[in-house]
Amino acid sequence: RGLVSSATALSPAGFFNAAELRFAAGVLRASRVAAN
């Protein structure tokens, strides 16, 4: 969107397919439960 002079992205989100997104979301949810 032209807001910056350069961008560096480390393992950026947004390039997953549906199955990969479900996997990542499941891991994150489980990690959150484990931290409770």
ModelCIF file with pLDDT and N, C-alpha, C, O atoms, coordinates in Angstrom:
data_MODEL
#
_entry.id   MODEL 
#
_entity.id                         1 
_entity.type                       polymer 
_entity.pdbx_number_of_molecules   1 
#
_entity_poly.entity_id                      1 
_entity_poly.type                           'polypeptide(L)' 
_entity_poly.nstd_linkage                   no 
_entity_poly.nstd_monomer                   no 
_entity_poly.pdbx_seq_one_letter_code       RGLVSSATALSPAGFFNAAELRFAAGVLRASRVAAN 
_entity_poly.pdbx_seq_one_letter_code_can   RGLVSSATALSPAGFFNAAELRFAAGVLRASRVAAN 
_entity_poly.pdbx_strand_id                 A 
#
loop_
_entity_poly_seq.entity_id 
_entity_poly_seq.num 
_entity_poly_seq.mon_id 
_entity_poly_seq.hetero 
1 1  ARG n 
1 2  GLY n 
1 3  LEU n 
1 4  VAL n 
1 5  SER n 
1 6  SER n 
1 7  ALA n 
1 8  THR n 
1 9  ALA n 
1 10 LEU n 
1 11 SER n 
1 12 PRO n 
1 13 ALA n 
1 14 GLY n 
1 15 PHE n 
1 16 PHE n 
1 17 ASN n 
1 18 ALA n 
1 19 ALA n 
1 20 GLU n 
1 21 LEU n 
1 22 ARG n 
1 23 PHE n 
1 24 ALA n 
1 25 ALA n 
1 26 GLY n 
1 27 VAL n 
1 28 LEU n 
1 29 ARG n 
1 30 ALA n 
1 31 SER n 
1 32 ARG n 
1 33 VAL n 
1 34 ALA n 
1 35 ALA n 
1 36 ASN n 
#
_struct_asym.id          A 
_struct_asym.entity_id   1 
#
loop_
_ma_qa_metric.id 
_ma_qa_metric.mode 
_ma_qa_metric.name 
_ma_qa_metric.software_group_id 
_ma_qa_metric.type 
1 global pLDDT . pLDDT 
2 local  pLDDT . pLDDT 
#
_ma_qa_metric_global.metric_id      1 
_ma_qa_metric_global.metric_value   94.97 
_ma_qa_metric_global.model_id       1 
_ma_qa_metric_global.ordinal_id     1 
#
loop_
_ma_qa_metric_local.label_asym_id 
_ma_qa_metric_local.label_comp_id 
_ma_qa_metric_local.label_seq_id 
_ma_qa_metric_local.metric_id 
_ma_qa_metric_local.metric_value 
_ma_qa_metric_local.model_id 
_ma_qa_metric_local.ordinal_id 
A ARG 1  2 97.00 1 1  
A GLY 2  2 96.00 1 2  
A LEU 3  2 97.00 1 3  
A VAL 4  2 98.00 1 4  
A SER 5  2 98.00 1 5  
A SER 6  2 98.00 1 6  
A ALA 7  2 98.00 1 7  
A THR 8  2 98.00 1 8  
A ALA 9  2 98.00 1 9  
A LEU 10 2 98.00 1 10 
A SER 11 2 98.00 1 11 
A PRO 12 2 98.00 1 12 
A ALA 13 2 97.00 1 13 
A GLY 14 2 97.00 1 14 
A PHE 15 2 98.00 1 15 
A PHE 16 2 96.00 1 16 
A ASN 17 2 95.00 1 17 
A ALA 18 2 94.00 1 18 
A ALA 19 2 96.00 1 19 
A GLU 20 2 96.00 1 20 
A LEU 21 2 96.00 1 21 
A ARG 22 2 95.00 1 22 
A PHE 23 2 95.00 1 23 
A ALA 24 2 95.00 1 24 
A ALA 25 2 95.00 1 25 
A GLY 26 2 95.00 1 26 
A VAL 27 2 94.00 1 27 
A LEU 28 2 94.00 1 28 
A ARG 29 2 94.00 1 29 
A ALA 30 2 91.00 1 30 
A SER 31 2 90.00 1 31 
A ARG 32 2 92.00 1 32 
A VAL 33 2 90.00 1 33 
A ALA 34 2 86.00 1 34 
A ALA 35 2 88.00 1 35 
A ASN 36 2 88.00 1 36 
#
loop_
_atom_site.group_PDB 
_atom_site.id 
_atom_site.type_symbol 
_atom_site.label_atom_id 
_atom_site.label_alt_id 
_atom_site.label_comp_id 
_atom_site.label_asym_id 
_atom_site.label_entity_id 
_atom_site.label_seq_id 
_atom_site.pdbx_PDB_ins_code 
_atom_site.Cartn_x 
_atom_site.Cartn_y 
_atom_site.Cartn_z 
_atom_site.occupancy 
_atom_site.B_iso_or_equiv 
_atom_site.pdbx_formal_charge 
_atom_site.auth_seq_id 
_atom_site.auth_comp_id 
_atom_site.auth_asym_id 
_atom_site.auth_atom_id 
_atom_site.pdbx_PDB_model_num 
ATOM 1   N N  . ARG A 1 1  ? 0.817  -1.217  0.000  1.00 97.00 ? 1  ARG A N  1 
ATOM 2   C CA . ARG A 1 1  ? 0.000  0.000   0.000  1.00 97.00 ? 1  ARG A CA 1 
ATOM 3   C C  . ARG A 1 1  ? 0.851  1.268   0.000  1.00 97.00 ? 1  ARG A C  1 
ATOM 4   O O  . ARG A 1 1  ? 0.326  2.374   0.131  1.00 97.00 ? 1  ARG A O  1 
ATOM 5   N N  . GLY A 1 2  ? 2.159  1.103   -0.147 1.00 96.00 ? 2  GLY A N  1 
ATOM 6   C CA . GLY A 1 2  ? 3.029  2.256   -0.310 1.00 96.00 ? 2  GLY A CA 1 
ATOM 7   C C  . GLY A 1 2  ? 3.290  3.056   0.947  1.00 96.00 ? 2  GLY A C  1 
ATOM 8   O O  . GLY A 1 2  ? 3.596  4.246   0.872  1.00 96.00 ? 2  GLY A O  1 
ATOM 9   N N  . LEU A 1 3  ? 3.173  2.413   2.117  1.00 97.00 ? 3  LEU A N  1 
ATOM 10  C CA . LEU A 1 3  ? 3.340  3.137   3.383  1.00 97.00 ? 3  LEU A CA 1 
ATOM 11  C C  . LEU A 1 3  ? 4.776  3.135   3.892  1.00 97.00 ? 3  LEU A C  1 
ATOM 12  O O  . LEU A 1 3  ? 5.095  3.880   4.818  1.00 97.00 ? 3  LEU A O  1 
ATOM 13  N N  . VAL A 1 4  ? 5.647  2.319   3.311  1.00 98.00 ? 4  VAL A N  1 
ATOM 14  C CA . VAL A 1 4  ? 6.983  2.120   3.867  1.00 98.00 ? 4  VAL A CA 1 
ATOM 15  C C  . VAL A 1 4  ? 8.033  2.192   2.764  1.00 98.00 ? 4  VAL A C  1 
ATOM 16  O O  . VAL A 1 4  ? 7.722  2.140   1.574  1.00 98.00 ? 4  VAL A O  1 
ATOM 17  N N  . SER A 1 5  ? 9.283  2.315   3.198  1.00 98.00 ? 5  SER A N  1 
ATOM 18  C CA . SER A 1 5  ? 10.398 2.390   2.253  1.00 98.00 ? 5  SER A CA 1 
ATOM 19  C C  . SER A 1 5  ? 10.982 1.028   1.930  1.00 98.00 ? 5  SER A C  1 
ATOM 20  O O  . SER A 1 5  ? 11.586 0.856   0.872  1.00 98.00 ? 5  SER A O  1 
ATOM 21  N N  . SER A 1 6  ? 10.818 0.065   2.808  1.00 98.00 ? 6  SER A N  1 
ATOM 22  C CA . SER A 1 6  ? 11.223 -1.319  2.556  1.00 98.00 ? 6  SER A CA 1 
ATOM 23  C C  . SER A 1 6  ? 10.479 -2.198  3.537  1.00 98.00 ? 6  SER A C  1 
ATOM 24  O O  . SER A 1 6  ? 9.972  -1.723  4.553  1.00 98.00 ? 6  SER A O  1 
ATOM 25  N N  . ALA A 1 7  ? 10.416 -3.485  3.228  1.00 98.00 ? 7  ALA A N  1 
ATOM 26  C CA . ALA A 1 7  ? 9.758  -4.436  4.126  1.00 98.00 ? 7  ALA A CA 1 
ATOM 27  C C  . ALA A 1 7  ? 10.578 -5.712  4.194  1.00 98.00 ? 7  ALA A C  1 
ATOM 28  O O  . ALA A 1 7  ? 11.025 -6.240  3.176  1.00 98.00 ? 7  ALA A O  1 
ATOM 29  N N  . THR A 1 8  ? 10.767 -6.196  5.419  1.00 98.00 ? 8  THR A N  1 
ATOM 30  C CA . THR A 1 8  ? 11.404 -7.493  5.645  1.00 98.00 ? 8  THR A CA 1 
ATOM 31  C C  . THR A 1 8  ? 10.412 -8.359  6.408  1.00 98.00 ? 8  THR A C  1 
ATOM 32  O O  . THR A 1 8  ? 9.918  -7.960  7.462  1.00 98.00 ? 8  THR A O  1 
ATOM 33  N N  . ALA A 1 9  ? 10.122 -9.532  5.885  1.00 98.00 ? 9  ALA A N  1 
ATOM 34  C CA . ALA A 1 9  ? 9.129  -10.420 6.490  1.00 98.00 ? 9  ALA A CA 1 
ATOM 35  C C  . ALA A 1 9  ? 9.782  -11.749 6.848  1.00 98.00 ? 9  ALA A C  1 
ATOM 36  O O  . ALA A 1 9  ? 10.380 -12.404 5.994  1.00 98.00 ? 9  ALA A O  1 
ATOM 37  N N  . LEU A 1 10 ? 9.665  -12.142 8.105  1.00 98.00 ? 10 LEU A N  1 
ATOM 38  C CA . LEU A 1 10 ? 10.226 -13.396 8.597  1.00 98.00 ? 10 LEU A CA 1 
ATOM 39  C C  . LEU A 1 10 ? 9.091  -14.397 8.770  1.00 98.00 ? 10 LEU A C  1 
ATOM 40  O O  . LEU A 1 10 ? 8.217  -14.211 9.616  1.00 98.00 ? 10 LEU A O  1 
ATOM 41  N N  . SER A 1 11 ? 9.105  -15.460 7.965  1.00 98.00 ? 11 SER A N  1 
ATOM 42  C CA . SER A 1 11 ? 8.027  -16.456 7.970  1.00 98.00 ? 11 SER A CA 1 
ATOM 43  C C  . SER A 1 11 ? 6.658  -15.787 8.006  1.00 98.00 ? 11 SER A C  1 
ATOM 44  O O  . SER A 1 11 ? 5.878  -16.020 8.929  1.00 98.00 ? 11 SER A O  1 
ATOM 45  N N  . PRO A 1 12 ? 6.362  -14.960 7.009  1.00 98.00 ? 12 PRO A N  1 
ATOM 46  C CA . PRO A 1 12 ? 5.095  -14.218 7.056  1.00 98.00 ? 12 PRO A CA 1 
ATOM 47  C C  . PRO A 1 12 ? 3.882  -15.109 6.890  1.00 98.00 ? 12 PRO A C  1 
ATOM 48  O O  . PRO A 1 12 ? 3.917  -16.096 6.156  1.00 98.00 ? 12 PRO A O  1 
ATOM 49  N N  . ALA A 1 13 ? 2.809  -14.754 7.579  1.00 97.00 ? 13 ALA A N  1 
ATOM 50  C CA . ALA A 1 13 ? 1.524  -15.397 7.366  1.00 97.00 ? 13 ALA A CA 1 
ATOM 51  C C  . ALA A 1 13 ? 0.965  -14.953 6.015  1.00 97.00 ? 13 ALA A C  1 
ATOM 52  O O  . ALA A 1 13 ? 1.448  -13.999 5.404  1.00 97.00 ? 13 ALA A O  1 
ATOM 53  N N  . GLY A 1 14 ? -0.069 -15.675 5.567  1.00 97.00 ? 14 GLY A N  1 
ATOM 54  C CA . GLY A 1 14 ? -0.753 -15.259 4.355  1.00 97.00 ? 14 GLY A CA 1 
ATOM 55  C C  . GLY A 1 14 ? -0.418 -16.058 3.121  1.00 97.00 ? 14 GLY A C  1 
ATOM 56  O O  . GLY A 1 14 ? -0.918 -15.757 2.037  1.00 97.00 ? 14 GLY A O  1 
ATOM 57  N N  . PHE A 1 15 ? 0.437  -17.093 3.264  1.00 98.00 ? 15 PHE A N  1 
ATOM 58  C CA . PHE A 1 15 ? 0.807  -17.918 2.117  1.00 98.00 ? 15 PHE A CA 1 
ATOM 59  C C  . PHE A 1 15 ? 0.425  -19.386 2.341  1.00 98.00 ? 15 PHE A C  1 
ATOM 60  O O  . PHE A 1 15 ? 0.934  -20.272 1.655  1.00 98.00 ? 15 PHE A O  1 
ATOM 61  N N  . PHE A 1 16 ? -0.459 -19.639 3.289  1.00 96.00 ? 16 PHE A N  1 
ATOM 62  C CA . PHE A 1 16 ? -0.867 -20.998 3.613  1.00 96.00 ? 16 PHE A CA 1 
ATOM 63  C C  . PHE A 1 16 ? -2.089 -21.394 2.803  1.00 96.00 ? 16 PHE A C  1 
ATOM 64  O O  . PHE A 1 16 ? -2.832 -20.538 2.323  1.00 96.00 ? 16 PHE A O  1 
ATOM 65  N N  . ASN A 1 17 ? -2.295 -22.707 2.652  1.00 95.00 ? 17 ASN A N  1 
ATOM 66  C CA . ASN A 1 17 ? -3.569 -23.194 2.124  1.00 95.00 ? 17 ASN A CA 1 
ATOM 67  C C  . ASN A 1 17 ? -4.495 -23.479 3.302  1.00 95.00 ? 17 ASN A C  1 
ATOM 68  O O  . ASN A 1 17 ? -4.114 -23.274 4.455  1.00 95.00 ? 17 ASN A O  1 
ATOM 69  N N  . ALA A 1 18 ? -5.695 -23.944 3.022  1.00 94.00 ? 18 ALA A N  1 
ATOM 70  C CA . ALA A 1 18 ? -6.689 -24.126 4.082  1.00 94.00 ? 18 ALA A CA 1 
ATOM 71  C C  . ALA A 1 18 ? -6.225 -25.132 5.124  1.00 94.00 ? 18 ALA A C  1 
ATOM 72  O O  . ALA A 1 18 ? -6.388 -24.905 6.324  1.00 94.00 ? 18 ALA A O  1 
ATOM 73  N N  . ALA A 1 19 ? -5.646 -26.247 4.671  1.00 96.00 ? 19 ALA A N  1 
ATOM 74  C CA . ALA A 1 19 ? -5.200 -27.274 5.616  1.00 96.00 ? 19 ALA A CA 1 
ATOM 75  C C  . ALA A 1 19 ? -4.046 -26.756 6.476  1.00 96.00 ? 19 ALA A C  1 
ATOM 76  O O  . ALA A 1 19 ? -4.003 -27.020 7.678  1.00 96.00 ? 19 ALA A O  1 
ATOM 77  N N  . GLU A 1 20 ? -3.123 -26.030 5.875  1.00 96.00 ? 20 GLU A N  1 
ATOM 78  C CA . GLU A 1 20 ? -1.991 -25.488 6.628  1.00 96.00 ? 20 GLU A CA 1 
ATOM 79  C C  . GLU A 1 20 ? -2.447 -24.448 7.639  1.00 96.00 ? 20 GLU A C  1 
ATOM 80  O O  . GLU A 1 20 ? -1.888 -24.351 8.732  1.00 96.00 ? 20 GLU A O  1 
ATOM 81  N N  . LEU A 1 21 ? -3.451 -23.678 7.280  1.00 96.00 ? 21 LEU A N  1 
ATOM 82  C CA . LEU A 1 21 ? -3.992 -22.698 8.217  1.00 96.00 ? 21 LEU A CA 1 
ATOM 83  C C  . LEU A 1 21 ? -4.667 -23.391 9.390  1.00 96.00 ? 21 LEU A C  1 
ATOM 84  O O  . LEU A 1 21 ? -4.497 -22.974 10.536 1.00 96.00 ? 21 LEU A O  1 
ATOM 85  N N  . ARG A 1 22 ? -5.434 -24.447 9.119  1.00 95.00 ? 22 ARG A N  1 
ATOM 86  C CA . ARG A 1 22 ? -6.075 -25.190 10.215 1.00 95.00 ? 22 ARG A CA 1 
ATOM 87  C C  . ARG A 1 22 ? -5.022 -25.769 11.156 1.00 95.00 ? 22 ARG A C  1 
ATOM 88  O O  . ARG A 1 22 ? -5.187 -25.740 12.376 1.00 95.00 ? 22 ARG A O  1 
ATOM 89  N N  . PHE A 1 23 ? -3.946 -26.292 10.585 1.00 95.00 ? 23 PHE A N  1 
ATOM 90  C CA . PHE A 1 23 ? -2.877 -26.849 11.416 1.00 95.00 ? 23 PHE A CA 1 
ATOM 91  C C  . PHE A 1 23 ? -2.263 -25.769 12.303 1.00 95.00 ? 23 PHE A C  1 
ATOM 92  O O  . PHE A 1 23 ? -2.123 -25.964 13.510 1.00 95.00 ? 23 PHE A O  1 
ATOM 93  N N  . ALA A 1 24 ? -1.896 -24.632 11.713 1.00 95.00 ? 24 ALA A N  1 
ATOM 94  C CA . ALA A 1 24 ? -1.260 -23.565 12.483 1.00 95.00 ? 24 ALA A CA 1 
ATOM 95  C C  . ALA A 1 24 ? -2.202 -23.034 13.563 1.00 95.00 ? 24 ALA A C  1 
ATOM 96  O O  . ALA A 1 24 ? -1.787 -22.802 14.698 1.00 95.00 ? 24 ALA A O  1 
ATOM 97  N N  . ALA A 1 25 ? -3.472 -22.842 13.202 1.00 95.00 ? 25 ALA A N  1 
ATOM 98  C CA . ALA A 1 25 ? -4.443 -22.346 14.181 1.00 95.00 ? 25 ALA A CA 1 
ATOM 99  C C  . ALA A 1 25 ? -4.619 -23.344 15.316 1.00 95.00 ? 25 ALA A C  1 
ATOM 100 O O  . ALA A 1 25 ? -4.741 -22.949 16.475 1.00 95.00 ? 25 ALA A O  1 
ATOM 101 N N  . GLY A 1 26 ? -4.632 -24.633 14.995 1.00 95.00 ? 26 GLY A N  1 
ATOM 102 C CA . GLY A 1 26 ? -4.763 -25.654 16.030 1.00 95.00 ? 26 GLY A CA 1 
ATOM 103 C C  . GLY A 1 26 ? -3.586 -25.660 16.983 1.00 95.00 ? 26 GLY A C  1 
ATOM 104 O O  . GLY A 1 26 ? -3.760 -25.797 18.194 1.00 95.00 ? 26 GLY A O  1 
ATOM 105 N N  . VAL A 1 27 ? -2.378 -25.511 16.434 1.00 94.00 ? 27 VAL A N  1 
ATOM 106 C CA . VAL A 1 27 ? -1.184 -25.461 17.288 1.00 94.00 ? 27 VAL A CA 1 
ATOM 107 C C  . VAL A 1 27 ? -1.238 -24.252 18.208 1.00 94.00 ? 27 VAL A C  1 
ATOM 108 O O  . VAL A 1 27 ? -0.938 -24.359 19.397 1.00 94.00 ? 27 VAL A O  1 
ATOM 109 N N  . LEU A 1 28 ? -1.616 -23.108 17.668 1.00 94.00 ? 28 LEU A N  1 
ATOM 110 C CA . LEU A 1 28 ? -1.664 -21.893 18.474 1.00 94.00 ? 28 LEU A CA 1 
ATOM 111 C C  . LEU A 1 28 ? -2.728 -21.993 19.566 1.00 94.00 ? 28 LEU A C  1 
ATOM 112 O O  . LEU A 1 28 ? -2.502 -21.579 20.703 1.00 94.00 ? 28 LEU A O  1 
ATOM 113 N N  . ARG A 1 29 ? -3.870 -22.537 19.217 1.00 94.00 ? 29 ARG A N  1 
ATOM 114 C CA . ARG A 1 29 ? -4.929 -22.709 20.229 1.00 94.00 ? 29 ARG A CA 1 
ATOM 115 C C  . ARG A 1 29 ? -4.471 -23.660 21.334 1.00 94.00 ? 29 ARG A C  1 
ATOM 116 O O  . ARG A 1 29 ? -4.700 -23.403 22.516 1.00 94.00 ? 29 ARG A O  1 
ATOM 117 N N  . ALA A 1 30 ? -3.826 -24.754 20.946 1.00 91.00 ? 30 ALA A N  1 
ATOM 118 C CA . ALA A 1 30 ? -3.343 -25.706 21.942 1.00 91.00 ? 30 ALA A CA 1 
ATOM 119 C C  . ALA A 1 30 ? -2.280 -25.077 22.836 1.00 91.00 ? 30 ALA A C  1 
ATOM 120 O O  . ALA A 1 30 ? -2.253 -25.326 24.041 1.00 91.00 ? 30 ALA A O  1 
ATOM 121 N N  . SER A 1 31 ? -1.415 -24.272 22.254 1.00 90.00 ? 31 SER A N  1 
ATOM 122 C CA . SER A 1 31 ? -0.385 -23.596 23.035 1.00 90.00 ? 31 SER A CA 1 
ATOM 123 C C  . SER A 1 31 ? -1.014 -22.631 24.035 1.00 90.00 ? 31 SER A C  1 
ATOM 124 O O  . SER A 1 31 ? -0.530 -22.481 25.157 1.00 90.00 ? 31 SER A O  1 
ATOM 125 N N  . ARG A 1 32 ? -2.073 -21.992 23.626 1.00 92.00 ? 32 ARG A N  1 
ATOM 126 C CA . ARG A 1 32 ? -2.753 -21.058 24.529 1.00 92.00 ? 32 ARG A CA 1 
ATOM 127 C C  . ARG A 1 32 ? -3.425 -21.797 25.680 1.00 92.00 ? 32 ARG A C  1 
ATOM 128 O O  . ARG A 1 32 ? -3.398 -21.338 26.822 1.00 92.00 ? 32 ARG A O  1 
ATOM 129 N N  . VAL A 1 33 ? -4.027 -22.944 25.375 1.00 90.00 ? 33 VAL A N  1 
ATOM 130 C CA . VAL A 1 33 ? -4.641 -23.744 26.427 1.00 90.00 ? 33 VAL A CA 1 
ATOM 131 C C  . VAL A 1 33 ? -3.575 -24.233 27.411 1.00 90.00 ? 33 VAL A C  1 
ATOM 132 O O  . VAL A 1 33 ? -3.784 -24.213 28.624 1.00 90.00 ? 33 VAL A O  1 
ATOM 133 N N  . ALA A 1 34 ? -2.429 -24.674 26.875 1.00 86.00 ? 34 ALA A N  1 
ATOM 134 C CA . ALA A 1 34 ? -1.356 -25.170 27.729 1.00 86.00 ? 34 ALA A CA 1 
ATOM 135 C C  . ALA A 1 34 ? -0.812 -24.080 28.654 1.00 86.00 ? 34 ALA A C  1 
ATOM 136 O O  . ALA A 1 34 ? -0.332 -24.365 29.751 1.00 86.00 ? 34 ALA A O  1 
ATOM 137 N N  . ALA A 1 35 ? -0.893 -22.834 28.199 1.00 88.00 ? 35 ALA A N  1 
ATOM 138 C CA . ALA A 1 35 ? -0.395 -21.722 29.017 1.00 88.00 ? 35 ALA A CA 1 
ATOM 139 C C  . ALA A 1 35 ? -1.393 -21.278 30.079 1.00 88.00 ? 35 ALA A C  1 
ATOM 140 O O  . ALA A 1 35 ? -1.077 -20.421 30.903 1.00 88.00 ? 35 ALA A O  1 
ATOM 141 N N  . ASN A 1 36 ? -2.599 -21.855 30.068 1.00 88.00 ? 36 ASN A N  1 
ATOM 142 C CA . ASN A 1 36 ? -3.644 -21.429 30.990 1.00 88.00 ? 36 ASN A CA 1 
ATOM 143 C C  . ASN A 1 36 ? -3.523 -22.160 32.325 1.00 88.00 ? 36 ASN A C  1 
ATOM 144 O O  . ASN A 1 36 ? -4.324 -21.928 33.230 1.00 88.00 ? 36 ASN A O  1 
#
